[in-house]
């Protein structure tokens, strides 16, 4: 039997701690592992809070994604033969959900250092929702070129800045991030600190910059640096292959 596997990507952001905040999530379901088809559905989610913290937004992104699954007839459940891999670049979320929460509950929501658990209200909600689906928690490095993680970051930061965000809901074939389910790439792997450092040492295929909405590619870091230096809001990233460069450009164009 081919198990139905779904994917959840989440991120949170706040402008100040506390300050205005936003959260973003991408949910992918009805995916049979060996088959890419029009049945694969993608839904982007996002929202804003007036006064919050980065950790609360990270937790809220996961909660909202799980609430969406529970409300969706297609989301399924653990008993329905579906499982989900949840990817986050927050060690606070991943470690809390997969390790710490068990001890917190046993100790009446008191930490090992004898302090009350911060954000208890959200942790209790997340813990309840996590029991309604078969989840595998996966940590991924932030800002290392993982397309879905980058998109969630864009959604979260845009909401935090009070900007209008167009959220996609539909089939994978019409989604801007065509490679979101390519499990042969870093999207399927836990990106550790050592692999992040290795990426930094790797030879660049190109550098991509975005200044005032215009995207350019550069063969050298010097050329990229010259373009972004002193430019407010400039984005830049190193790519390691033509495919990665193309994916990043498409991502930024559709942000």
C-alpha atoms as a PDB file:
ATOM      1  CA  UNK A   1       0.000   0.000   0.000  1.00  0.00           C
ATOM      2  CA  UNK A   2       1.286   3.470  -0.880  1.00  0.00           C
ATOM      3  CA  UNK A   3       0.970   5.742   2.114  1.00  0.00           C
ATOM      4  CA  UNK A   4      -0.421   9.209   1.573  1.00  0.00           C
ATOM      5  CA  UNK A   5       2.192  11.700   2.714  1.00  0.00           C
ATOM      6  CA  UNK A   6       1.569  15.398   3.234  1.00  0.00           C
ATOM      7  CA  UNK A   7       3.984  18.251   3.803  1.00  0.00           C
ATOM      8  CA  UNK A   8       3.688  21.318   6.008  1.00  0.00           C
ATOM      9  CA  UNK A   9       6.122  24.240   5.951  1.00  0.00           C
ATOM     10  CA  UNK A  10       5.857  27.055   8.510  1.00  0.00           C
ATOM     11  CA  UNK A  11       7.585  30.263   9.574  1.00  0.00           C
ATOM     12  CA  UNK A  12       6.962  33.245  11.827  1.00  0.00           C
ATOM     13  CA  UNK A  13       8.243  36.802  12.083  1.00  0.00           C
ATOM     14  CA  UNK A  14       7.927  39.841  14.331  1.00  0.00           C
ATOM     15  CA  UNK A  15       9.135  43.404  13.956  1.00  0.00           C
ATOM     16  CA  UNK A  16      10.278  43.855  17.519  1.00  0.00           C
ATOM     17  CA  UNK A  17      10.007  41.421  20.380  1.00  0.00           C
ATOM     18  CA  UNK A  18       7.212  42.248  21.060  1.00  0.00           C
ATOM     19  CA  UNK A  19       6.000  44.068  17.993  1.00  0.00           C
ATOM     20  CA  UNK A  20       3.830  43.611  14.882  1.00  0.00           C
ATOM     21  CA  UNK A  21       4.067  40.045  13.664  1.00  0.00           C
ATOM     22  CA  UNK A  22       3.124  37.687  10.885  1.00  0.00           C
ATOM     23  CA  UNK A  23       3.079  33.983  10.191  1.00  0.00           C
ATOM     24  CA  UNK A  24       3.146  31.891   7.038  1.00  0.00           C
ATOM     25  CA  UNK A  25       2.498  28.261   6.164  1.00  0.00           C
ATOM     26  CA  UNK A  26       2.283  26.036   3.111  1.00  0.00           C
ATOM     27  CA  UNK A  27       0.269  22.814   3.245  1.00  0.00           C
ATOM     28  CA  UNK A  28       0.638  20.135   0.576  1.00  0.00           C
ATOM     29  CA  UNK A  29      -1.617  17.082   0.658  1.00  0.00           C
ATOM     30  CA  UNK A  30      -3.117  14.260  -1.378  1.00  0.00           C
ATOM     31  CA  UNK A  31       0.353  13.326  -2.509  1.00  0.00           C
ATOM     32  CA  UNK A  32       1.234   9.733  -3.320  1.00  0.00           C
ATOM     33  CA  UNK A  33       4.988   9.504  -2.783  1.00  0.00           C
ATOM     34  CA  UNK A  34       5.833   7.941  -6.130  1.00  0.00           C
ATOM     35  CA  UNK A  35       3.471  10.061  -8.218  1.00  0.00           C
ATOM     36  CA  UNK A  36       3.367  13.755  -9.104  1.00  0.00           C
ATOM     37  CA  UNK A  37      -0.107  14.535 -10.405  1.00  0.00           C
ATOM     38  CA  UNK A  38      -2.811  17.156 -10.652  1.00  0.00           C
ATOM     39  CA  UNK A  39      -4.285  15.661  -7.475  1.00  0.00           C
ATOM     40  CA  UNK A  40      -1.497  17.281  -5.459  1.00  0.00           C
ATOM     41  CA  UNK A  41      -3.007  20.323  -3.745  1.00  0.00           C
ATOM     42  CA  UNK A  42      -1.124  23.312  -2.354  1.00  0.00           C
ATOM     43  CA  UNK A  43      -2.531  25.891   0.053  1.00  0.00           C
ATOM     44  CA  UNK A  44      -0.705  28.941   1.377  1.00  0.00           C
ATOM     45  CA  UNK A  45      -1.817  30.402   4.707  1.00  0.00           C
ATOM     46  CA  UNK A  46      -0.816  33.554   6.541  1.00  0.00           C
ATOM     47  CA  UNK A  47      -1.886  36.122   9.091  1.00  0.00           C
ATOM     48  CA  UNK A  48      -1.040  39.155  11.219  1.00  0.00           C
ATOM     49  CA  UNK A  49      -0.984  40.058  14.914  1.00  0.00           C
ATOM     50  CA  UNK A  50      -0.598  43.565  16.215  1.00  0.00           C
ATOM     51  CA  UNK A  51       1.665  42.877  19.211  1.00  0.00           C
ATOM     52  CA  UNK A  52       3.485  39.579  19.493  1.00  0.00           C
ATOM     53  CA  UNK A  53       6.881  37.850  19.484  1.00  0.00           C
ATOM     54  CA  UNK A  54       8.801  35.798  16.965  1.00  0.00           C
ATOM     55  CA  UNK A  55       8.331  32.587  18.976  1.00  0.00           C
ATOM     56  CA  UNK A  56       4.583  33.119  19.225  1.00  0.00           C
ATOM     57  CA  UNK A  57       4.396  33.607  15.468  1.00  0.00           C
ATOM     58  CA  UNK A  58       6.416  30.445  14.862  1.00  0.00           C
ATOM     59  CA  UNK A  59       3.961  28.502  17.042  1.00  0.00           C
ATOM     60  CA  UNK A  60       0.922  30.182  15.517  1.00  0.00           C
ATOM     61  CA  UNK A  61       2.024  29.172  12.011  1.00  0.00           C
ATOM     62  CA  UNK A  62       2.038  25.512  13.022  1.00  0.00           C
ATOM     63  CA  UNK A  63      -1.271  25.790  14.873  1.00  0.00           C
ATOM     64  CA  UNK A  64      -3.009  27.440  11.923  1.00  0.00           C
ATOM     65  CA  UNK A  65      -1.674  24.817   9.519  1.00  0.00           C
ATOM     66  CA  UNK A  66      -2.968  21.992  11.723  1.00  0.00           C
ATOM     67  CA  UNK A  67      -6.319  23.736  12.163  1.00  0.00           C
ATOM     68  CA  UNK A  68      -6.550  23.983   8.394  1.00  0.00           C
ATOM     69  CA  UNK A  69      -5.935  20.249   8.054  1.00  0.00           C
ATOM     70  CA  UNK A  70      -8.616  19.444  10.617  1.00  0.00           C
ATOM     71  CA  UNK A  71     -11.119  21.685   8.833  1.00  0.00           C
ATOM     72  CA  UNK A  72     -10.318  20.287   5.394  1.00  0.00           C
ATOM     73  CA  UNK A  73     -12.030  17.166   4.135  1.00  0.00           C
ATOM     74  CA  UNK A  74      -8.850  16.391   2.202  1.00  0.00           C
ATOM     75  CA  UNK A  75      -6.544  16.855   5.165  1.00  0.00           C
ATOM     76  CA  UNK A  76      -7.222  13.430   6.555  1.00  0.00           C
ATOM     77  CA  UNK A  77      -6.012  12.161   9.914  1.00  0.00           C
ATOM     78  CA  UNK A  78      -3.660   9.627  11.413  1.00  0.00           C
ATOM     79  CA  UNK A  79      -6.419   7.036  11.302  1.00  0.00           C
ATOM     80  CA  UNK A  80      -7.073   7.867   7.663  1.00  0.00           C
ATOM     81  CA  UNK A  81      -3.729   6.538   6.486  1.00  0.00           C
ATOM     82  CA  UNK A  82      -2.100   9.933   6.025  1.00  0.00           C
ATOM     83  CA  UNK A  83       1.000  11.279   7.708  1.00  0.00           C
ATOM     84  CA  UNK A  84       2.658  14.682   7.526  1.00  0.00           C
ATOM     85  CA  UNK A  85       6.203  15.951   7.590  1.00  0.00           C
ATOM     86  CA  UNK A  86       6.298  19.368   9.234  1.00  0.00           C
ATOM     87  CA  UNK A  87       9.308  21.515   8.342  1.00  0.00           C
ATOM     88  CA  UNK A  88      10.314  24.550  10.438  1.00  0.00           C
ATOM     89  CA  UNK A  89      13.489  26.597  10.816  1.00  0.00           C
ATOM     90  CA  UNK A  90      12.639  27.201  14.493  1.00  0.00           C
ATOM     91  CA  UNK A  91      14.489  24.897  16.881  1.00  0.00           C
ATOM     92  CA  UNK A  92      12.170  26.274  19.561  1.00  0.00           C
ATOM     93  CA  UNK A  93       9.195  24.759  17.738  1.00  0.00           C
ATOM     94  CA  UNK A  94      10.842  21.520  16.650  1.00  0.00           C
ATOM     95  CA  UNK A  95      12.473  20.697  19.995  1.00  0.00           C
ATOM     96  CA  UNK A  96       9.466  21.861  21.984  1.00  0.00           C
ATOM     97  CA  UNK A  97       6.979  19.797  19.985  1.00  0.00           C
ATOM     98  CA  UNK A  98       9.074  16.647  19.667  1.00  0.00           C
ATOM     99  CA  UNK A  99      10.889  16.610  23.036  1.00  0.00           C
ATOM    100  CA  UNK A 100      10.235  19.257  25.679  1.00  0.00           C
ATOM    101  CA  UNK A 101       6.431  19.256  25.703  1.00  0.00           C
ATOM    102  CA  UNK A 102       6.255  15.771  27.211  1.00  0.00           C
ATOM    103  CA  UNK A 103       8.239  16.835  30.269  1.00  0.00           C
ATOM    104  CA  UNK A 104       6.387  20.119  30.547  1.00  0.00           C
ATOM    105  CA  UNK A 105       3.044  18.351  30.786  1.00  0.00           C
ATOM    106  CA  UNK A 106       4.307  15.917  33.403  1.00  0.00           C
ATOM    107  CA  UNK A 107       5.619  18.837  35.456  1.00  0.00           C
ATOM    108  CA  UNK A 108       2.387  20.866  35.187  1.00  0.00           C
ATOM    109  CA  UNK A 109       3.928  23.202  32.603  1.00  0.00           C
ATOM    110  CA  UNK A 110       7.014  23.989  34.641  1.00  0.00           C
ATOM    111  CA  UNK A 111      10.450  23.827  32.992  1.00  0.00           C
ATOM    112  CA  UNK A 112      13.462  21.922  34.309  1.00  0.00           C
ATOM    113  CA  UNK A 113      14.756  25.241  35.650  1.00  0.00           C
ATOM    114  CA  UNK A 114      11.532  25.549  37.725  1.00  0.00           C
ATOM    115  CA  UNK A 115      10.099  28.401  35.647  1.00  0.00           C
ATOM    116  CA  UNK A 116       6.638  28.548  34.046  1.00  0.00           C
ATOM    117  CA  UNK A 117       6.666  27.539  30.376  1.00  0.00           C
ATOM    118  CA  UNK A 118       6.518  30.603  28.164  1.00  0.00           C
ATOM    119  CA  UNK A 119       3.677  30.713  25.624  1.00  0.00           C
ATOM    120  CA  UNK A 120       1.850  27.969  27.526  1.00  0.00           C
ATOM    121  CA  UNK A 121      -1.458  28.826  25.856  1.00  0.00           C
ATOM    122  CA  UNK A 122      -0.064  28.178  22.394  1.00  0.00           C
ATOM    123  CA  UNK A 123       1.867  25.088  23.429  1.00  0.00           C
ATOM    124  CA  UNK A 124      -1.283  23.533  24.893  1.00  0.00           C
ATOM    125  CA  UNK A 125      -3.183  24.240  21.681  1.00  0.00           C
ATOM    126  CA  UNK A 126      -0.371  22.908  19.496  1.00  0.00           C
ATOM    127  CA  UNK A 127      -0.013  19.767  21.622  1.00  0.00           C
ATOM    128  CA  UNK A 128      -3.725  19.021  21.283  1.00  0.00           C
ATOM    129  CA  UNK A 129      -3.738  19.571  17.525  1.00  0.00           C
ATOM    130  CA  UNK A 130      -0.561  17.528  17.023  1.00  0.00           C
ATOM    131  CA  UNK A 131      -2.383  14.503  18.393  1.00  0.00           C
ATOM    132  CA  UNK A 132      -4.973  14.691  15.614  1.00  0.00           C
ATOM    133  CA  UNK A 133      -2.425  13.952  12.847  1.00  0.00           C
ATOM    134  CA  UNK A 134       0.585  11.688  12.393  1.00  0.00           C
ATOM    135  CA  UNK A 135       3.428  14.200  12.373  1.00  0.00           C
ATOM    136  CA  UNK A 136       7.151  13.925  11.760  1.00  0.00           C
ATOM    137  CA  UNK A 137       8.933  17.098  12.943  1.00  0.00           C
ATOM    138  CA  UNK A 138      11.877  18.168  10.756  1.00  0.00           C
ATOM    139  CA  UNK A 139      14.231  21.074  11.395  1.00  0.00           C
ATOM    140  CA  UNK A 140      15.552  22.925   8.341  1.00  0.00           C
ATOM    141  CA  UNK A 141      18.028  25.774   8.200  1.00  0.00           C
ATOM    142  CA  UNK A 142      16.572  29.183   7.473  1.00  0.00           C
ATOM    143  CA  UNK A 143      17.667  31.229   4.440  1.00  0.00           C
ATOM    144  CA  UNK A 144      19.679  28.414   2.860  1.00  0.00           C
ATOM    145  CA  UNK A 145      17.745  28.168  -0.399  1.00  0.00           C
ATOM    146  CA  UNK A 146      14.895  25.816   0.554  1.00  0.00           C
ATOM    147  CA  UNK A 147      12.104  27.154  -1.642  1.00  0.00           C
ATOM    148  CA  UNK A 148       9.116  26.435   0.612  1.00  0.00           C
ATOM    149  CA  UNK A 149      10.866  27.790   3.694  1.00  0.00           C
ATOM    150  CA  UNK A 150      11.805  30.960   1.831  1.00  0.00           C
ATOM    151  CA  UNK A 151       8.222  31.420   0.653  1.00  0.00           C
ATOM    152  CA  UNK A 152       6.856  30.991   4.203  1.00  0.00           C
ATOM    153  CA  UNK A 153       9.357  33.596   5.385  1.00  0.00           C
ATOM    154  CA  UNK A 154       8.170  35.989   2.687  1.00  0.00           C
ATOM    155  CA  UNK A 155       4.542  35.498   3.690  1.00  0.00           C
ATOM    156  CA  UNK A 156       5.300  35.966   7.397  1.00  0.00           C
ATOM    157  CA  UNK A 157       7.465  39.063   6.989  1.00  0.00           C
ATOM    158  CA  UNK A 158       5.021  40.663   4.552  1.00  0.00           C
ATOM    159  CA  UNK A 159       2.168  40.274   7.022  1.00  0.00           C
ATOM    160  CA  UNK A 160       4.397  41.580   9.829  1.00  0.00           C
ATOM    161  CA  UNK A 161       5.060  44.671   7.706  1.00  0.00           C
ATOM    162  CA  UNK A 162       1.351  45.160   7.072  1.00  0.00           C
ATOM    163  CA  UNK A 163       1.641  44.395   3.366  1.00  0.00           C
ATOM    164  CA  UNK A 164      -0.982  42.743   1.204  1.00  0.00           C
ATOM    165  CA  UNK A 165      -0.137  39.134   0.380  1.00  0.00           C
ATOM    166  CA  UNK A 166      -1.729  37.031  -2.345  1.00  0.00           C
ATOM    167  CA  UNK A 167      -1.975  33.477  -1.018  1.00  0.00           C
ATOM    168  CA  UNK A 168      -2.177  30.572  -3.442  1.00  0.00           C
ATOM    169  CA  UNK A 169      -4.638  27.695  -3.185  1.00  0.00           C
ATOM    170  CA  UNK A 170      -4.886  25.167  -5.978  1.00  0.00           C
ATOM    171  CA  UNK A 171      -3.095  22.340  -7.729  1.00  0.00           C
ATOM    172  CA  UNK A 172       0.669  21.954  -7.815  1.00  0.00           C
ATOM    173  CA  UNK A 173       0.754  22.256 -11.612  1.00  0.00           C
ATOM    174  CA  UNK A 174      -0.262  25.917 -11.336  1.00  0.00           C
ATOM    175  CA  UNK A 175       1.923  26.756  -8.344  1.00  0.00           C
ATOM    176  CA  UNK A 176       4.976  29.001  -8.752  1.00  0.00           C
ATOM    177  CA  UNK A 177       7.249  26.671  -6.755  1.00  0.00           C
ATOM    178  CA  UNK A 178       7.276  23.671  -9.062  1.00  0.00           C
ATOM    179  CA  UNK A 179      10.027  21.895  -7.108  1.00  0.00           C
ATOM    180  CA  UNK A 180       8.412  22.122  -3.675  1.00  0.00           C
ATOM    181  CA  UNK A 181       8.009  18.336  -3.491  1.00  0.00           C
ATOM    182  CA  UNK A 182      11.338  17.366  -5.038  1.00  0.00           C
ATOM    183  CA  UNK A 183      12.547  15.175  -2.214  1.00  0.00           C
ATOM    184  CA  UNK A 184      15.932  14.603  -3.863  1.00  0.00           C
ATOM    185  CA  UNK A 185      16.896  18.157  -2.909  1.00  0.00           C
ATOM    186  CA  UNK A 186      17.623  19.820   0.416  1.00  0.00           C
ATOM    187  CA  UNK A 187      13.891  20.239   0.919  1.00  0.00           C
ATOM    188  CA  UNK A 188      13.798  16.703   2.325  1.00  0.00           C
ATOM    189  CA  UNK A 189      16.809  16.959   4.587  1.00  0.00           C
ATOM    190  CA  UNK A 190      17.504  18.381   7.970  1.00  0.00           C
ATOM    191  CA  UNK A 191      19.969  21.169   7.343  1.00  0.00           C
ATOM    192  CA  UNK A 192      22.423  21.177  10.230  1.00  0.00           C
ATOM    193  CA  UNK A 193      24.892  23.872  11.164  1.00  0.00           C
ATOM    194  CA  UNK A 194      27.699  21.855   9.613  1.00  0.00           C
ATOM    195  CA  UNK A 195      25.891  21.530   6.273  1.00  0.00           C
ATOM    196  CA  UNK A 196      25.114  25.239   6.349  1.00  0.00           C
ATOM    197  CA  UNK A 197      28.820  25.959   6.799  1.00  0.00           C
ATOM    198  CA  UNK A 198      29.609  23.532   3.978  1.00  0.00           C
ATOM    199  CA  UNK A 199      27.238  25.432   1.728  1.00  0.00           C
ATOM    200  CA  UNK A 200      29.068  28.632   2.591  1.00  0.00           C
ATOM    201  CA  UNK A 201      32.363  27.080   1.479  1.00  0.00           C
ATOM    202  CA  UNK A 202      30.940  25.569  -1.721  1.00  0.00           C
ATOM    203  CA  UNK A 203      31.797  27.159  -5.061  1.00  0.00           C
ATOM    204  CA  UNK A 204      29.049  29.492  -6.230  1.00  0.00           C
ATOM    205  CA  UNK A 205      27.276  28.994  -9.539  1.00  0.00           C
ATOM    206  CA  UNK A 206      26.047  32.574  -9.317  1.00  0.00           C
ATOM    207  CA  UNK A 207      24.840  35.313  -7.000  1.00  0.00           C
ATOM    208  CA  UNK A 208      21.336  36.709  -7.354  1.00  0.00           C
ATOM    209  CA  UNK A 209      20.273  40.155  -6.178  1.00  0.00           C
ATOM    210  CA  UNK A 210      16.965  41.976  -5.990  1.00  0.00           C
ATOM    211  CA  UNK A 211      17.039  45.765  -5.650  1.00  0.00           C
ATOM    212  CA  UNK A 212      13.882  47.866  -5.838  1.00  0.00           C
ATOM    213  CA  UNK A 213      12.026  44.936  -7.394  1.00  0.00           C
ATOM    214  CA  UNK A 214      14.578  44.289 -10.158  1.00  0.00           C
ATOM    215  CA  UNK A 215      16.376  40.917 -10.163  1.00  0.00           C
ATOM    216  CA  UNK A 216      19.873  40.451 -11.575  1.00  0.00           C
ATOM    217  CA  UNK A 217      22.396  37.592 -11.597  1.00  0.00           C
ATOM    218  CA  UNK A 218      26.127  37.975 -11.026  1.00  0.00           C
ATOM    219  CA  UNK A 219      29.063  35.675 -11.621  1.00  0.00           C
ATOM    220  CA  UNK A 220      31.105  37.069  -8.725  1.00  0.00           C
ATOM    221  CA  UNK A 221      30.358  38.172  -5.193  1.00  0.00           C
ATOM    222  CA  UNK A 222      32.143  41.465  -5.887  1.00  0.00           C
ATOM    223  CA  UNK A 223      29.650  42.340  -8.619  1.00  0.00           C
ATOM    224  CA  UNK A 224      26.710  41.387  -6.389  1.00  0.00           C
ATOM    225  CA  UNK A 225      28.077  43.328  -3.427  1.00  0.00           C
ATOM    226  CA  UNK A 226      28.603  46.428  -5.564  1.00  0.00           C
ATOM    227  CA  UNK A 227      24.942  46.372  -6.595  1.00  0.00           C
ATOM    228  CA  UNK A 228      23.389  45.857  -3.150  1.00  0.00           C
ATOM    229  CA  UNK A 229      25.721  48.039  -1.086  1.00  0.00           C
ATOM    230  CA  UNK A 230      23.815  50.911   0.479  1.00  0.00           C
ATOM    231  CA  UNK A 231      20.485  49.814  -1.049  1.00  0.00           C
ATOM    232  CA  UNK A 232      17.704  49.641   1.529  1.00  0.00           C
ATOM    233  CA  UNK A 233      15.701  46.388   1.416  1.00  0.00           C
ATOM    234  CA  UNK A 234      18.053  44.695  -1.036  1.00  0.00           C
ATOM    235  CA  UNK A 235      17.984  40.890  -1.219  1.00  0.00           C
ATOM    236  CA  UNK A 236      20.854  38.673  -2.294  1.00  0.00           C
ATOM    237  CA  UNK A 237      21.717  34.997  -2.263  1.00  0.00           C
ATOM    238  CA  UNK A 238      24.381  32.602  -3.442  1.00  0.00           C
ATOM    239  CA  UNK A 239      23.233  29.733  -5.689  1.00  0.00           C
ATOM    240  CA  UNK A 240      25.040  26.465  -6.304  1.00  0.00           C
ATOM    241  CA  UNK A 241      23.423  25.372  -9.579  1.00  0.00           C
ATOM    242  CA  UNK A 242      21.466  26.636 -12.583  1.00  0.00           C
ATOM    243  CA  UNK A 243      18.344  24.902 -11.244  1.00  0.00           C
ATOM    244  CA  UNK A 244      18.705  26.611  -7.871  1.00  0.00           C
ATOM    245  CA  UNK A 245      19.258  29.990  -9.538  1.00  0.00           C
ATOM    246  CA  UNK A 246      16.122  29.549 -11.655  1.00  0.00           C
ATOM    247  CA  UNK A 247      14.070  28.464  -8.632  1.00  0.00           C
ATOM    248  CA  UNK A 248      15.196  31.471  -6.602  1.00  0.00           C
ATOM    249  CA  UNK A 249      14.417  33.909  -9.419  1.00  0.00           C
ATOM    250  CA  UNK A 250      10.937  32.425  -9.842  1.00  0.00           C
ATOM    251  CA  UNK A 251      10.394  32.628  -6.101  1.00  0.00           C
ATOM    252  CA  UNK A 252      11.357  36.302  -5.909  1.00  0.00           C
ATOM    253  CA  UNK A 253       9.336  37.184  -9.006  1.00  0.00           C
ATOM    254  CA  UNK A 254       6.189  35.683  -7.462  1.00  0.00           C
ATOM    255  CA  UNK A 255       6.734  37.105  -3.976  1.00  0.00           C
END
